[in-house]
Amino acid sequence: MVDSTQLAESKSIHRETGKTFYYATRLLPERVRHPTYVLYAFFRVADEVVDDPDGSSPAEQHEQLIEIRDAALGREPTDDPVLAAFSEVRDRYGIPDEEIVQFIDAMRTDIEKSRYETYDELEAYMRGSAAAVGVMMTIIMDADDADSAIPKARRLGEAFQLTNFLRDVGEDIADRDRIYLPEATLEACGAAPADIERRRFTAEIGAAVEREMKRAEGLYREGVSGIKYLPVDCQLPVLTAAILYADHHRLIRQLDYDTITETPSIGTVRKLVLVAKTRWYWAWNKDPEAVFAKVSEIPMVEDGPTPRSHPDDPLPMG
């Protein structure tokens, strides 16, 4: 049983390091909200090993991640409150060991790999770093039709992460010497990786960001279409998370796709407005795709017009 100290530590990590997702998590029923705090804290503990190595060598980072993996899987005892709590959550909900191993392996990839030749390579990385997260969340929610829900949850997890990559192009190169824009996309748009390394924005880099953003929007469309398979009390929170993450695309467009010299951030007021609008439309219609189309600015049809909404324009009942 996860104790109050472990839960408080996990919640604190989530609140401080995952502000966008935290807003949506607060809408989850307690039965899902509490283990979600633990899941997110576990992800951050592992992620910090590679994002903030604090002088650790690559070999030491690998060793730390193996220790985290073994503690999470219950193979080794641990005094870390987050890892101990996660191990209990894993056991209680039956999270497959494979998902945890894939997640840790993705973190280990970040130690050695900083460039991706193709989107297929990047997608393989995201299978562990993002899609595995979606799978674990779906298991905790206890979806009735898991076979339908889990593939869509993987796509939504990938959409969230791809949005993060597009938002943080400048920060990732400056702080971690990583470029997550596939080299094939950069080449197709005539963009030079050297310009990213110098944090010099060009129209060609903007075109590459735009191209990958459209790919991410396809992932949102697919992911949101699976929210209906989740338990009723979890659908609104997951939809809200999708709308909050997707709102970064609006900011990226406002910057003319320049996330090299600037990093877009959604303000607190904007988040509260989006949460309120999502809940308002949800009261009229429990169709996740319809609400996403109304509140987000991501077209639900590829290359279609960006949907606009007005707070006094209710959805049809259905």
C-alpha atoms as a PDB file:
ATOM      1  CA  MET A   1       0.000   0.000   0.000  1.00  0.00           C
ATOM      2  CA  VAL A   2       1.402   3.402  -0.995  1.00  0.00           C
ATOM      3  CA  ASP A   3       1.722   5.435   2.207  1.00  0.00           C
ATOM      4  CA  SER A   4       1.005   9.142   2.642  1.00  0.00           C
ATOM      5  CA  THR A   5       4.683  10.137   2.613  1.00  0.00           C
ATOM      6  CA  GLN A   6       5.304   8.346  -0.681  1.00  0.00           C
ATOM      7  CA  LEU A   7       2.177   9.874  -2.200  1.00  0.00           C
ATOM      8  CA  ALA A   8       3.078  13.382  -1.033  1.00  0.00           C
ATOM      9  CA  GLU A   9       6.579  13.078  -2.514  1.00  0.00           C
ATOM     10  CA  SER A  10       5.195  11.788  -5.813  1.00  0.00           C
ATOM     11  CA  LYS A  11       2.558  14.518  -5.986  1.00  0.00           C
ATOM     12  CA  SER A  12       5.159  17.205  -5.280  1.00  0.00           C
ATOM     13  CA  ILE A  13       7.391  15.982  -8.119  1.00  0.00           C
ATOM     14  CA  HIS A  14       4.413  15.882 -10.486  1.00  0.00           C
ATOM     15  CA  ARG A  15       3.250  19.365  -9.536  1.00  0.00           C
ATOM     16  CA  GLU A  16       6.705  20.922  -9.937  1.00  0.00           C
ATOM     17  CA  THR A  17       7.898  19.192 -13.103  1.00  0.00           C
ATOM     18  CA  GLY A  18       4.739  18.379 -15.065  1.00  0.00           C
ATOM     19  CA  LYS A  19       2.611  21.481 -14.778  1.00  0.00           C
ATOM     20  CA  THR A  20       0.559  20.933 -17.952  1.00  0.00           C
ATOM     21  CA  PHE A  21      -0.301  17.313 -17.213  1.00  0.00           C
ATOM     22  CA  TYR A  22      -0.864  18.137 -13.527  1.00  0.00           C
ATOM     23  CA  TYR A  23      -3.861  20.323 -14.400  1.00  0.00           C
ATOM     24  CA  ALA A  24      -5.550  17.391 -16.128  1.00  0.00           C
ATOM     25  CA  THR A  25      -4.499  14.860 -13.487  1.00  0.00           C
ATOM     26  CA  ARG A  26      -6.393  16.798 -10.834  1.00  0.00           C
ATOM     27  CA  LEU A  27      -9.614  16.004 -12.716  1.00  0.00           C
ATOM     28  CA  LEU A  28      -9.089  12.239 -12.440  1.00  0.00           C
ATOM     29  CA  PRO A  29     -11.049  10.247  -9.853  1.00  0.00           C
ATOM     30  CA  GLU A  30      -9.000   9.562  -6.735  1.00  0.00           C
ATOM     31  CA  ARG A  31      -8.684   5.857  -7.586  1.00  0.00           C
ATOM     32  CA  VAL A  32      -6.673   6.880 -10.683  1.00  0.00           C
ATOM     33  CA  ARG A  33      -5.279  10.243  -9.570  1.00  0.00           C
ATOM     34  CA  HIS A  34      -3.140   8.912  -6.738  1.00  0.00           C
ATOM     35  CA  PRO A  35      -1.372   6.160  -8.708  1.00  0.00           C
ATOM     36  CA  THR A  36      -0.914   8.661 -11.566  1.00  0.00           C
ATOM     37  CA  TYR A  37       1.102  10.894  -9.242  1.00  0.00           C
ATOM     38  CA  VAL A  38       3.309   7.904  -8.509  1.00  0.00           C
ATOM     39  CA  LEU A  39       3.673   6.985 -12.187  1.00  0.00           C
ATOM     40  CA  TYR A  40       4.642  10.503 -13.195  1.00  0.00           C
ATOM     41  CA  ALA A  41       7.145  10.819 -10.342  1.00  0.00           C
ATOM     42  CA  PHE A  42       8.749   7.538 -11.407  1.00  0.00           C
ATOM     43  CA  PHE A  43       9.070   8.770 -14.978  1.00  0.00           C
ATOM     44  CA  ARG A  44      10.746  11.967 -13.749  1.00  0.00           C
ATOM     45  CA  VAL A  45      13.168  10.138 -11.454  1.00  0.00           C
ATOM     46  CA  ALA A  46      14.389   8.082 -14.408  1.00  0.00           C
ATOM     47  CA  ASP A  47      14.351  11.017 -16.815  1.00  0.00           C
ATOM     48  CA  GLU A  48      16.477  13.159 -14.506  1.00  0.00           C
ATOM     49  CA  VAL A  49      19.287  10.616 -14.674  1.00  0.00           C
ATOM     50  CA  VAL A  50      19.824  11.485 -18.341  1.00  0.00           C
ATOM     51  CA  ASP A  51      18.563  15.081 -18.431  1.00  0.00           C
ATOM     52  CA  ASP A  52      20.474  16.258 -15.351  1.00  0.00           C
ATOM     53  CA  PRO A  53      23.415  13.859 -14.948  1.00  0.00           C
ATOM     54  CA  ASP A  54      25.218  16.148 -12.465  1.00  0.00           C
ATOM     55  CA  GLY A  55      28.660  15.028 -13.594  1.00  0.00           C
ATOM     56  CA  SER A  56      27.862  11.317 -13.859  1.00  0.00           C
ATOM     57  CA  SER A  57      29.623   9.449 -16.647  1.00  0.00           C
ATOM     58  CA  PRO A  58      27.588   7.532 -19.258  1.00  0.00           C
ATOM     59  CA  ALA A  59      28.542   4.260 -17.536  1.00  0.00           C
ATOM     60  CA  GLU A  60      27.333   5.618 -14.192  1.00  0.00           C
ATOM     61  CA  GLN A  61      24.077   6.803 -15.770  1.00  0.00           C
ATOM     62  CA  HIS A  62      23.466   3.355 -17.235  1.00  0.00           C
ATOM     63  CA  GLU A  63      24.115   1.824 -13.818  1.00  0.00           C
ATOM     64  CA  GLN A  64      21.702   4.239 -12.135  1.00  0.00           C
ATOM     65  CA  LEU A  65      18.963   3.416 -14.629  1.00  0.00           C
ATOM     66  CA  ILE A  66      19.473  -0.335 -14.145  1.00  0.00           C
ATOM     67  CA  GLU A  67      19.151   0.198 -10.384  1.00  0.00           C
ATOM     68  CA  ILE A  68      15.943   2.189 -10.932  1.00  0.00           C
ATOM     69  CA  ARG A  69      14.580  -0.527 -13.234  1.00  0.00           C
ATOM     70  CA  ASP A  70      15.314  -3.321 -10.771  1.00  0.00           C
ATOM     71  CA  ALA A  71      13.771  -1.392  -7.871  1.00  0.00           C
ATOM     72  CA  ALA A  72      10.686  -0.590  -9.953  1.00  0.00           C
ATOM     73  CA  LEU A  73      10.305  -4.258 -10.880  1.00  0.00           C
ATOM     74  CA  GLY A  74      10.652  -5.314  -7.237  1.00  0.00           C
ATOM     75  CA  ARG A  75      13.872  -7.194  -7.939  1.00  0.00           C
ATOM     76  CA  GLU A  76      15.892  -5.141  -5.465  1.00  0.00           C
ATOM     77  CA  PRO A  77      14.946  -3.334  -2.239  1.00  0.00           C
ATOM     78  CA  THR A  78      14.959   0.462  -2.264  1.00  0.00           C
ATOM     79  CA  ASP A  79      14.769   3.314   0.244  1.00  0.00           C
ATOM     80  CA  ASP A  80      13.582   5.753  -2.438  1.00  0.00           C
ATOM     81  CA  PRO A  81       9.933   6.621  -1.661  1.00  0.00           C
ATOM     82  CA  VAL A  82       8.998   7.080  -5.311  1.00  0.00           C
ATOM     83  CA  LEU A  83      10.540   3.812  -6.495  1.00  0.00           C
ATOM     84  CA  ALA A  84       9.037   1.902  -3.582  1.00  0.00           C
ATOM     85  CA  ALA A  85       5.617   3.399  -4.323  1.00  0.00           C
ATOM     86  CA  PHE A  86       5.908   2.635  -8.021  1.00  0.00           C
ATOM     87  CA  SER A  87       6.812  -0.987  -7.332  1.00  0.00           C
ATOM     88  CA  GLU A  88       3.655  -1.302  -5.257  1.00  0.00           C
ATOM     89  CA  VAL A  89       1.545   0.328  -7.971  1.00  0.00           C
ATOM     90  CA  ARG A  90       3.063  -1.989 -10.583  1.00  0.00           C
ATOM     91  CA  ASP A  91       2.203  -5.022  -8.500  1.00  0.00           C
ATOM     92  CA  ARG A  92      -1.311  -3.853  -7.593  1.00  0.00           C
ATOM     93  CA  TYR A  93      -2.393  -3.015 -11.148  1.00  0.00           C
ATOM     94  CA  GLY A  94      -0.469  -5.711 -12.968  1.00  0.00           C
ATOM     95  CA  ILE A  95       1.621  -3.378 -15.119  1.00  0.00           C
ATOM     96  CA  PRO A  96       3.641  -5.657 -17.431  1.00  0.00           C
ATOM     97  CA  ASP A  97       7.380  -5.768 -16.787  1.00  0.00           C
ATOM     98  CA  GLU A  98       7.870  -5.269 -20.536  1.00  0.00           C
ATOM     99  CA  GLU A  99       6.470  -1.734 -20.405  1.00  0.00           C
ATOM    100  CA  ILE A 100       8.824  -0.738 -17.588  1.00  0.00           C
ATOM    101  CA  VAL A 101      11.835  -2.291 -19.307  1.00  0.00           C
ATOM    102  CA  GLN A 102      10.994  -0.495 -22.558  1.00  0.00           C
ATOM    103  CA  PHE A 103      10.670   2.812 -20.727  1.00  0.00           C
ATOM    104  CA  ILE A 104      14.040   2.433 -18.987  1.00  0.00           C
ATOM    105  CA  ASP A 105      15.666   1.286 -22.242  1.00  0.00           C
ATOM    106  CA  ALA A 106      14.421   4.491 -23.908  1.00  0.00           C
ATOM    107  CA  MET A 107      16.014   6.538 -21.117  1.00  0.00           C
ATOM    108  CA  ARG A 108      19.246   4.604 -21.677  1.00  0.00           C
ATOM    109  CA  THR A 109      19.054   5.490 -25.374  1.00  0.00           C
ATOM    110  CA  ASP A 110      19.203   9.178 -24.426  1.00  0.00           C
ATOM    111  CA  ILE A 111      22.622   8.607 -22.845  1.00  0.00           C
ATOM    112  CA  GLU A 112      24.252   7.597 -26.109  1.00  0.00           C
ATOM    113  CA  LYS A 113      22.005   8.824 -28.912  1.00  0.00           C
ATOM    114  CA  SER A 114      21.346  12.478 -29.693  1.00  0.00           C
ATOM    115  CA  ARG A 115      20.323  12.428 -33.380  1.00  0.00           C
ATOM    116  CA  TYR A 116      17.696  10.448 -35.326  1.00  0.00           C
ATOM    117  CA  GLU A 117      18.045   9.723 -39.032  1.00  0.00           C
ATOM    118  CA  THR A 118      14.399   8.902 -39.725  1.00  0.00           C
ATOM    119  CA  TYR A 119      11.013   9.206 -38.073  1.00  0.00           C
ATOM    120  CA  ASP A 120      10.950   5.405 -37.767  1.00  0.00           C
ATOM    121  CA  GLU A 121      13.981   5.663 -35.484  1.00  0.00           C
ATOM    122  CA  LEU A 122      12.321   8.371 -33.433  1.00  0.00           C
ATOM    123  CA  GLU A 123       9.088   6.383 -33.245  1.00  0.00           C
ATOM    124  CA  ALA A 124      10.993   3.368 -31.912  1.00  0.00           C
ATOM    125  CA  TYR A 125      12.417   5.594 -29.180  1.00  0.00           C
ATOM    126  CA  MET A 126       8.970   6.977 -28.360  1.00  0.00           C
ATOM    127  CA  ARG A 127       7.586   3.440 -28.074  1.00  0.00           C
ATOM    128  CA  GLY A 128       9.425   3.263 -24.774  1.00  0.00           C
ATOM    129  CA  SER A 129       9.559   6.855 -23.644  1.00  0.00           C
ATOM    130  CA  ALA A 130       5.960   7.880 -24.438  1.00  0.00           C
ATOM    131  CA  ALA A 131       3.812   5.010 -25.689  1.00  0.00           C
ATOM    132  CA  ALA A 132       4.712   2.871 -22.668  1.00  0.00           C
ATOM    133  CA  VAL A 133       3.446   5.692 -20.468  1.00  0.00           C
ATOM    134  CA  GLY A 134       0.103   5.634 -22.268  1.00  0.00           C
ATOM    135  CA  VAL A 135      -0.141   1.880 -21.782  1.00  0.00           C
ATOM    136  CA  MET A 136       0.558   2.128 -18.046  1.00  0.00           C
ATOM    137  CA  MET A 137      -2.004   4.895 -17.611  1.00  0.00           C
ATOM    138  CA  THR A 138      -4.649   2.868 -19.453  1.00  0.00           C
ATOM    139  CA  ILE A 139      -3.994  -0.151 -17.252  1.00  0.00           C
ATOM    140  CA  ILE A 140      -4.393   1.949 -14.106  1.00  0.00           C
ATOM    141  CA  MET A 141      -7.657   3.379 -15.427  1.00  0.00           C
ATOM    142  CA  ASP A 142      -8.903  -0.211 -15.891  1.00  0.00           C
ATOM    143  CA  ALA A 143     -10.485   0.247 -19.317  1.00  0.00           C
ATOM    144  CA  ASP A 144     -13.185  -2.314 -20.102  1.00  0.00           C
ATOM    145  CA  ASP A 145     -12.036  -2.621 -23.726  1.00  0.00           C
ATOM    146  CA  ALA A 146      -8.279  -2.530 -23.200  1.00  0.00           C
ATOM    147  CA  ASP A 147      -7.574  -4.083 -26.609  1.00  0.00           C
ATOM    148  CA  SER A 148      -9.164  -1.042 -28.287  1.00  0.00           C
ATOM    149  CA  ALA A 149      -7.939   1.544 -25.774  1.00  0.00           C
ATOM    150  CA  ILE A 150      -4.244   0.678 -25.534  1.00  0.00           C
ATOM    151  CA  PRO A 151      -3.209   1.197 -29.211  1.00  0.00           C
ATOM    152  CA  LYS A 152      -4.897   4.617 -29.159  1.00  0.00           C
ATOM    153  CA  ALA A 153      -3.271   5.461 -25.825  1.00  0.00           C
ATOM    154  CA  ARG A 154       0.110   4.734 -27.373  1.00  0.00           C
ATOM    155  CA  ARG A 155      -0.622   7.184 -30.177  1.00  0.00           C
ATOM    156  CA  LEU A 156      -1.747   9.874 -27.748  1.00  0.00           C
ATOM    157  CA  GLY A 157       1.419   9.410 -25.701  1.00  0.00           C
ATOM    158  CA  GLU A 158       3.498   9.806 -28.862  1.00  0.00           C
ATOM    159  CA  ALA A 159       1.526  12.944 -29.772  1.00  0.00           C
ATOM    160  CA  PHE A 160       2.299  14.494 -26.378  1.00  0.00           C
ATOM    161  CA  GLN A 161       5.997  13.716 -26.681  1.00  0.00           C
ATOM    162  CA  LEU A 162       6.294  14.897 -30.267  1.00  0.00           C
ATOM    163  CA  THR A 163       4.677  18.175 -29.202  1.00  0.00           C
ATOM    164  CA  ASN A 164       7.287  18.462 -26.446  1.00  0.00           C
ATOM    165  CA  PHE A 165      10.075  17.840 -28.955  1.00  0.00           C
ATOM    166  CA  LEU A 166       8.731  20.533 -31.301  1.00  0.00           C
ATOM    167  CA  ARG A 167       8.285  23.009 -28.449  1.00  0.00           C
ATOM    168  CA  ASP A 168      11.794  22.429 -27.062  1.00  0.00           C
ATOM    169  CA  VAL A 169      13.998  22.337 -30.180  1.00  0.00           C
ATOM    170  CA  GLY A 170      16.191  25.192 -28.932  1.00  0.00           C
ATOM    171  CA  GLU A 171      16.320  24.011 -25.332  1.00  0.00           C
ATOM    172  CA  ASP A 172      17.135  20.425 -26.272  1.00  0.00           C
ATOM    173  CA  ILE A 173      20.170  21.460 -28.306  1.00  0.00           C
ATOM    174  CA  ALA A 174      21.370  24.051 -25.807  1.00  0.00           C
ATOM    175  CA  ASP A 175      20.917  21.996 -22.647  1.00  0.00           C
ATOM    176  CA  ARG A 176      21.356  18.416 -23.849  1.00  0.00           C
ATOM    177  CA  ASP A 177      22.922  18.542 -27.347  1.00  0.00           C
ATOM    178  CA  ARG A 178      19.930  16.624 -28.724  1.00  0.00           C
ATOM    179  CA  ILE A 179      17.973  17.071 -31.935  1.00  0.00           C
ATOM    180  CA  TYR A 180      14.718  15.140 -32.129  1.00  0.00           C
ATOM    181  CA  LEU A 181      13.725  16.477 -35.558  1.00  0.00           C
ATOM    182  CA  PRO A 182      14.516  13.536 -37.879  1.00  0.00           C
ATOM    183  CA  GLU A 183      17.434  14.200 -40.206  1.00  0.00           C
ATOM    184  CA  ALA A 184      15.320  12.953 -43.134  1.00  0.00           C
ATOM    185  CA  THR A 185      12.748  15.685 -42.413  1.00  0.00           C
ATOM    186  CA  LEU A 186      15.424  18.341 -42.128  1.00  0.00           C
ATOM    187  CA  GLU A 187      16.963  17.212 -45.413  1.00  0.00           C
ATOM    188  CA  ALA A 188      13.596  17.172 -47.191  1.00  0.00           C
ATOM    189  CA  CYS A 189      12.999  20.779 -46.096  1.00  0.00           C
ATOM    190  CA  GLY A 190      16.524  21.934 -46.937  1.00  0.00           C
ATOM    191  CA  ALA A 191      17.292  22.618 -43.275  1.00  0.00           C
ATOM    192  CA  ALA A 192      20.794  22.325 -41.862  1.00  0.00           C
ATOM    193  CA  PRO A 193      21.347  20.605 -38.495  1.00  0.00           C
ATOM    194  CA  ALA A 194      24.291  22.973 -38.015  1.00  0.00           C
ATOM    195  CA  ASP A 195      21.846  25.883 -37.821  1.00  0.00           C
ATOM    196  CA  ILE A 196      19.983  24.149 -35.015  1.00  0.00           C
ATOM    197  CA  GLU A 197      23.273  23.530 -33.232  1.00  0.00           C
ATOM    198  CA  ARG A 198      24.006  27.278 -33.458  1.00  0.00           C
ATOM    199  CA  ARG A 199      20.411  28.076 -32.437  1.00  0.00           C
ATOM    200  CA  ARG A 200      20.010  29.992 -35.679  1.00  0.00           C
ATOM    201  CA  PHE A 201      16.447  29.864 -36.950  1.00  0.00           C
ATOM    202  CA  THR A 202      15.819  29.615 -40.681  1.00  0.00           C
ATOM    203  CA  ALA A 203      12.692  29.309 -42.784  1.00  0.00           C
ATOM    204  CA  GLU A 204      13.809  25.781 -43.696  1.00  0.00           C
ATOM    205  CA  ILE A 205      13.911  24.756 -40.026  1.00  0.00           C
ATOM    206  CA  GLY A 206      10.461  26.282 -39.652  1.00  0.00           C
ATOM    207  CA  ALA A 207       9.242  24.139 -42.522  1.00  0.00           C
ATOM    208  CA  ALA A 208      10.637  21.028 -40.812  1.00  0.00           C
ATOM    209  CA  VAL A 209       8.908  21.927 -37.546  1.00  0.00           C
ATOM    210  CA  GLU A 210       5.662  22.496 -39.439  1.00  0.00           C
ATOM    211  CA  ARG A 211       5.950  19.128 -41.186  1.00  0.00           C
ATOM    212  CA  GLU A 212       6.500  17.249 -37.931  1.00  0.00           C
ATOM    213  CA  MET A 213       3.732  19.243 -36.271  1.00  0.00           C
ATOM    214  CA  LYS A 214       1.285  17.962 -38.873  1.00  0.00           C
ATOM    215  CA  ARG A 215       2.492  14.457 -38.102  1.00  0.00           C
ATOM    216  CA  ALA A 216       1.846  15.087 -34.409  1.00  0.00           C
ATOM    217  CA  GLU A 217      -1.640  16.355 -35.211  1.00  0.00           C
ATOM    218  CA  GLY A 218      -2.377  13.080 -36.974  1.00  0.00           C
ATOM    219  CA  LEU A 219      -1.333  11.296 -33.790  1.00  0.00           C
ATOM    220  CA  TYR A 220      -3.696  13.503 -31.770  1.00  0.00           C
ATOM    221  CA  ARG A 221      -6.571  12.649 -34.084  1.00  0.00           C
ATOM    222  CA  GLU A 222      -5.887   8.947 -33.696  1.00  0.00           C
ATOM    223  CA  GLY A 223      -5.280   9.147 -29.962  1.00  0.00           C
ATOM    224  CA  VAL A 224      -8.341  11.239 -29.162  1.00  0.00           C
ATOM    225  CA  SER A 225     -10.510   8.794 -31.110  1.00  0.00           C
ATOM    226  CA  GLY A 226      -9.664   6.184 -28.479  1.00  0.00           C
ATOM    227  CA  ILE A 227     -10.717   8.186 -25.413  1.00  0.00           C
ATOM    228  CA  LYS A 228     -14.227   6.767 -25.740  1.00  0.00           C
ATOM    229  CA  TYR A 229     -12.830   3.360 -24.780  1.00  0.00           C
ATOM    230  CA  LEU A 230     -11.702   4.622 -21.360  1.00  0.00           C
ATOM    231  CA  PRO A 231     -13.876   4.509 -18.236  1.00  0.00           C
ATOM    232  CA  VAL A 232     -16.415   7.345 -18.217  1.00  0.00           C
ATOM    233  CA  ASP A 233     -14.844   9.047 -15.187  1.00  0.00           C
ATOM    234  CA  CYS A 234     -11.454   9.185 -16.934  1.00  0.00           C
ATOM    235  CA  GLN A 235     -12.512  10.465 -20.353  1.00  0.00           C
ATOM    236  CA  LEU A 236     -12.745  14.182 -19.515  1.00  0.00           C
ATOM    237  CA  PRO A 237      -9.338  14.327 -17.750  1.00  0.00           C
ATOM    238  CA  VAL A 238      -7.547  12.579 -20.635  1.00  0.00           C
ATOM    239  CA  LEU A 239      -9.329  14.791 -23.173  1.00  0.00           C
ATOM    240  CA  THR A 240      -8.318  17.860 -21.142  1.00  0.00           C
ATOM    241  CA  ALA A 241      -4.686  16.728 -21.148  1.00  0.00           C
ATOM    242  CA  ALA A 242      -4.813  16.327 -24.941  1.00  0.00           C
ATOM    243  CA  ILE A 243      -6.278  19.812 -25.384  1.00  0.00           C
ATOM    244  CA  LEU A 244      -3.682  21.389 -23.076  1.00  0.00           C
ATOM    245  CA  TYR A 245      -0.738  19.722 -24.821  1.00  0.00           C
ATOM    246  CA  ALA A 246      -2.126  20.463 -28.277  1.00  0.00           C
ATOM    247  CA  ASP A 247      -2.424  24.157 -27.421  1.00  0.00           C
ATOM    248  CA  HIS A 248       1.354  24.407 -27.787  1.00  0.00           C
ATOM    249  CA  HIS A 249       0.746  24.064 -31.539  1.00  0.00           C
ATOM    250  CA  ARG A 250      -1.185  27.339 -31.503  1.00  0.00           C
ATOM    251  CA  LEU A 251       1.786  29.037 -29.840  1.00  0.00           C
ATOM    252  CA  ILE A 252       4.272  27.455 -32.237  1.00  0.00           C
ATOM    253  CA  ARG A 253       2.289  28.807 -35.197  1.00  0.00           C
ATOM    254  CA  GLN A 254       2.232  32.255 -33.584  1.00  0.00           C
ATOM    255  CA  LEU A 255       6.046  32.084 -33.481  1.00  0.00           C
ATOM    256  CA  ASP A 256       6.124  31.166 -37.182  1.00  0.00           C
ATOM    257  CA  TYR A 257       7.523  27.782 -36.100  1.00  0.00           C
ATOM    258  CA  ASP A 258      10.593  29.336 -34.456  1.00  0.00           C
ATOM    259  CA  THR A 259      11.189  27.166 -31.411  1.00  0.00           C
ATOM    260  CA  ILE A 260      14.925  27.566 -31.856  1.00  0.00           C
ATOM    261  CA  THR A 261      15.242  31.004 -30.290  1.00  0.00           C
ATOM    262  CA  GLU A 262      12.052  30.851 -28.211  1.00  0.00           C
ATOM    263  CA  THR A 263      10.264  28.186 -26.181  1.00  0.00           C
ATOM    264  CA  PRO A 264       6.475  28.602 -26.114  1.00  0.00           C
ATOM    265  CA  SER A 265       4.777  28.169 -22.770  1.00  0.00           C
ATOM    266  CA  ILE A 266       1.073  28.059 -21.927  1.00  0.00           C
ATOM    267  CA  GLY A 267       0.265  30.510 -19.137  1.00  0.00           C
ATOM    268  CA  THR A 268      -1.801  29.645 -16.091  1.00  0.00           C
ATOM    269  CA  VAL A 269      -4.764  31.770 -17.166  1.00  0.00           C
ATOM    270  CA  ARG A 270      -4.836  30.113 -20.580  1.00  0.00           C
ATOM    271  CA  LYS A 271      -4.740  26.662 -18.977  1.00  0.00           C
ATOM    272  CA  LEU A 272      -7.642  27.537 -16.709  1.00  0.00           C
ATOM    273  CA  VAL A 273      -9.627  28.867 -19.674  1.00  0.00           C
ATOM    274  CA  LEU A 274      -9.012  25.674 -21.653  1.00  0.00           C
ATOM    275  CA  VAL A 275      -9.978  23.489 -18.699  1.00  0.00           C
ATOM    276  CA  ALA A 276     -13.193  25.481 -18.212  1.00  0.00           C
ATOM    277  CA  LYS A 277     -14.102  25.418 -21.926  1.00  0.00           C
ATOM    278  CA  THR A 278     -13.457  21.700 -22.152  1.00  0.00           C
ATOM    279  CA  ARG A 279     -15.686  20.997 -19.166  1.00  0.00           C
ATOM    280  CA  TRP A 280     -18.393  23.295 -20.543  1.00  0.00           C
ATOM    281  CA  TYR A 281     -18.518  21.610 -23.931  1.00  0.00           C
ATOM    282  CA  TRP A 282     -18.311  18.195 -22.263  1.00  0.00           C
ATOM    283  CA  ALA A 283     -21.493  19.015 -20.367  1.00  0.00           C
ATOM    284  CA  TRP A 284     -23.274  19.337 -23.727  1.00  0.00           C
ATOM    285  CA  ASN A 285     -21.753  16.398 -25.540  1.00  0.00           C
ATOM    286  CA  LYS A 286     -19.725  13.427 -24.266  1.00  0.00           C
ATOM    287  CA  ASP A 287     -18.054  12.829 -27.647  1.00  0.00           C
ATOM    288  CA  PRO A 288     -14.282  13.356 -27.102  1.00  0.00           C
ATOM    289  CA  GLU A 289     -13.566  13.965 -30.790  1.00  0.00           C
ATOM    290  CA  ALA A 290     -16.299  16.597 -31.080  1.00  0.00           C
ATOM    291  CA  VAL A 291     -15.123  18.443 -27.965  1.00  0.00           C
ATOM    292  CA  PHE A 292     -11.485  18.272 -29.077  1.00  0.00           C
ATOM    293  CA  ALA A 293     -12.473  19.786 -32.425  1.00  0.00           C
ATOM    294  CA  LYS A 294     -14.347  22.598 -30.696  1.00  0.00           C
ATOM    295  CA  VAL A 295     -11.806  23.563 -28.043  1.00  0.00           C
ATOM    296  CA  SER A 296      -8.424  22.788 -29.617  1.00  0.00           C
ATOM    297  CA  GLU A 297      -7.084  24.436 -32.749  1.00  0.00           C
ATOM    298  CA  ILE A 298      -6.004  21.168 -34.316  1.00  0.00           C
ATOM    299  CA  PRO A 299      -8.138  20.203 -37.327  1.00  0.00           C
ATOM    300  CA  MET A 300      -9.790  16.817 -36.932  1.00  0.00           C
ATOM    301  CA  VAL A 301      -9.371  16.226 -40.666  1.00  0.00           C
ATOM    302  CA  GLU A 302      -5.871  16.307 -42.147  1.00  0.00           C
ATOM    303  CA  ASP A 303      -5.114  19.592 -43.933  1.00  0.00           C
ATOM    304  CA  GLY A 304      -8.604  20.796 -43.118  1.00  0.00           C
ATOM    305  CA  PRO A 305      -9.400  24.247 -41.776  1.00  0.00           C
ATOM    306  CA  THR A 306      -8.489  24.989 -38.178  1.00  0.00           C
ATOM    307  CA  PRO A 307     -11.685  24.742 -36.144  1.00  0.00           C
ATOM    308  CA  ARG A 308     -12.766  27.822 -34.254  1.00  0.00           C
ATOM    309  CA  SER A 309     -15.146  27.931 -31.364  1.00  0.00           C
ATOM    310  CA  HIS A 310     -17.119  30.416 -29.339  1.00  0.00           C
ATOM    311  CA  PRO A 311     -17.995  29.886 -25.667  1.00  0.00           C
ATOM    312  CA  ASP A 312     -21.669  30.515 -26.445  1.00  0.00           C
ATOM    313  CA  ASP A 313     -21.761  27.994 -29.299  1.00  0.00           C
ATOM    314  CA  PRO A 314     -22.852  24.707 -27.704  1.00  0.00           C
ATOM    315  CA  LEU A 315     -22.353  21.358 -29.314  1.00  0.00           C
ATOM    316  CA  PRO A 316     -25.415  19.490 -30.475  1.00  0.00           C
ATOM    317  CA  MET A 317     -26.657  16.996 -27.952  1.00  0.00           C
ATOM    318  CA  GLY A 318     -25.831  13.405 -28.717  1.00  0.00           C
END
